[in-house]
Amino acid sequence: MSHSTIHVVAKITALPHQVEGTKELLLGLLEPTRQEKGCIKYDLFQNQDDPTDFTFVEEWQDRESLNQHLQTHHIQHALSLIPALMVAPPDIRVYNQI
């Protein structure tokens, strides 16, 4: 059975000395994103065994909603801080449920 929504898994790896700063930045994305049109689910997880490893698990109404999300001020601001906080750009993967 195919569903029309799309699912996103975005992995972020913080620099070891920037775990708390990265966590604060990522937590700040939750509420504005959850208010966006087309956002169904937007949850953040931190790996219990590796505190530098953060993962967003998301569900969006459609690809257009995700694309609009990626252009919002809060996401663009977060992306501008990557060099100072994170090992590399986020690994963002988009899935269809099958």
Protein backbone atom coordinates (compact mmCIF):
# COMPACT_ATOMS: atom_id res chain seq x y z
CA MET A 1 0.00 0.00 0.00
CA SER A 2 1.40 3.37 -1.00
CA HIS A 3 0.84 6.56 0.98
CA SER A 4 0.94 10.04 -0.46
CA THR A 5 2.90 11.57 2.43
CA ILE A 6 6.67 11.58 2.40
CA HIS A 7 9.01 10.69 5.24
CA VAL A 8 12.37 12.25 5.96
CA VAL A 9 15.25 11.05 8.09
CA ALA A 10 17.88 13.75 8.62
CA LYS A 11 21.05 12.82 10.49
CA ILE A 12 23.17 15.54 12.03
CA THR A 13 26.56 14.94 13.64
CA ALA A 14 27.77 17.61 16.04
CA LEU A 15 31.40 18.42 16.65
CA PRO A 16 32.28 16.79 20.01
CA HIS A 17 32.81 20.14 21.74
CA GLN A 18 29.58 21.57 20.25
CA VAL A 19 27.01 18.97 21.37
CA GLU A 20 25.08 21.34 23.64
CA GLY A 21 25.12 24.20 21.13
CA THR A 22 23.92 21.87 18.38
CA LYS A 23 21.21 20.45 20.63
CA GLU A 24 19.98 23.94 21.52
CA LEU A 25 19.89 24.98 17.86
CA LEU A 26 18.03 21.83 16.79
CA LEU A 27 15.50 22.04 19.62
CA GLY A 28 14.75 25.58 18.47
CA LEU A 29 13.64 24.23 15.10
CA LEU A 30 10.88 22.03 16.52
CA GLU A 31 8.07 24.47 17.23
CA PRO A 32 8.43 26.73 14.17
CA THR A 33 8.61 23.70 11.91
CA ARG A 34 5.63 21.99 13.53
CA GLN A 35 3.59 25.12 12.70
CA GLU A 36 4.47 24.97 9.00
CA LYS A 37 1.83 24.08 6.44
CA GLY A 38 2.22 20.45 5.39
CA CYS A 39 4.17 19.32 8.46
CA ILE A 40 2.59 16.19 9.92
CA LYS A 41 5.41 15.03 12.19
CA TYR A 42 8.76 16.56 13.15
CA ASP A 43 10.62 14.79 15.96
CA LEU A 44 14.23 15.03 17.14
CA PHE A 45 16.23 12.19 18.67
CA GLN A 46 19.68 12.04 20.27
CA ASN A 47 21.64 8.77 20.23
CA GLN A 48 22.06 7.36 23.75
CA ASP A 49 25.45 5.86 22.93
CA ASP A 50 26.83 8.76 20.87
CA PRO A 51 25.65 12.20 22.03
CA THR A 52 27.04 13.85 18.87
CA ASP A 53 24.46 11.94 16.78
CA PHE A 54 21.10 13.68 16.28
CA THR A 55 18.31 12.52 13.99
CA PHE A 56 15.12 14.21 12.83
CA VAL A 57 12.27 11.90 11.82
CA GLU A 58 9.73 13.82 9.78
CA GLU A 59 6.52 13.34 7.85
CA TRP A 60 5.34 15.87 5.29
CA GLN A 61 2.12 16.17 3.33
CA ASP A 62 4.06 16.29 0.06
CA ARG A 63 7.41 17.17 -1.51
CA GLU A 64 6.34 20.78 -2.02
CA SER A 65 5.81 21.17 1.74
CA LEU A 66 9.28 19.78 2.41
CA ASN A 67 10.82 22.08 -0.20
CA GLN A 68 9.12 25.10 1.37
CA HIS A 69 10.37 23.98 4.81
CA LEU A 70 13.95 23.87 3.56
CA GLN A 71 13.65 27.51 2.44
CA THR A 72 12.26 28.91 5.73
CA HIS A 73 14.27 31.45 7.69
CA HIS A 74 14.78 29.15 10.69
CA ILE A 75 16.15 26.30 8.55
CA GLN A 76 18.36 28.58 6.47
CA HIS A 77 19.71 30.14 9.67
CA ALA A 78 20.47 26.69 11.13
CA LEU A 79 22.20 25.62 7.92
CA SER A 80 24.38 28.75 8.06
CA LEU A 81 25.73 27.62 11.45
CA ILE A 82 26.79 24.13 10.31
CA PRO A 83 30.50 24.90 9.90
CA ALA A 84 30.77 26.05 13.53
CA LEU A 85 28.69 23.27 15.11
CA MET A 86 28.61 20.17 12.95
CA VAL A 87 31.02 17.72 11.37
CA ALA A 88 29.33 17.95 7.94
CA PRO A 89 26.08 19.06 6.33
CA PRO A 90 23.03 17.03 7.44
CA ASP A 91 22.47 13.69 5.71
CA ILE A 92 18.86 14.17 4.55
CA ARG A 93 17.03 11.19 3.07
CA VAL A 94 13.51 11.30 1.68
CA TYR A 95 11.33 8.18 1.60
CA ASN A 96 7.96 6.96 0.42
CA GLN A 97 6.23 4.42 2.63
CA ILE A 98 5.61 1.16 0.80
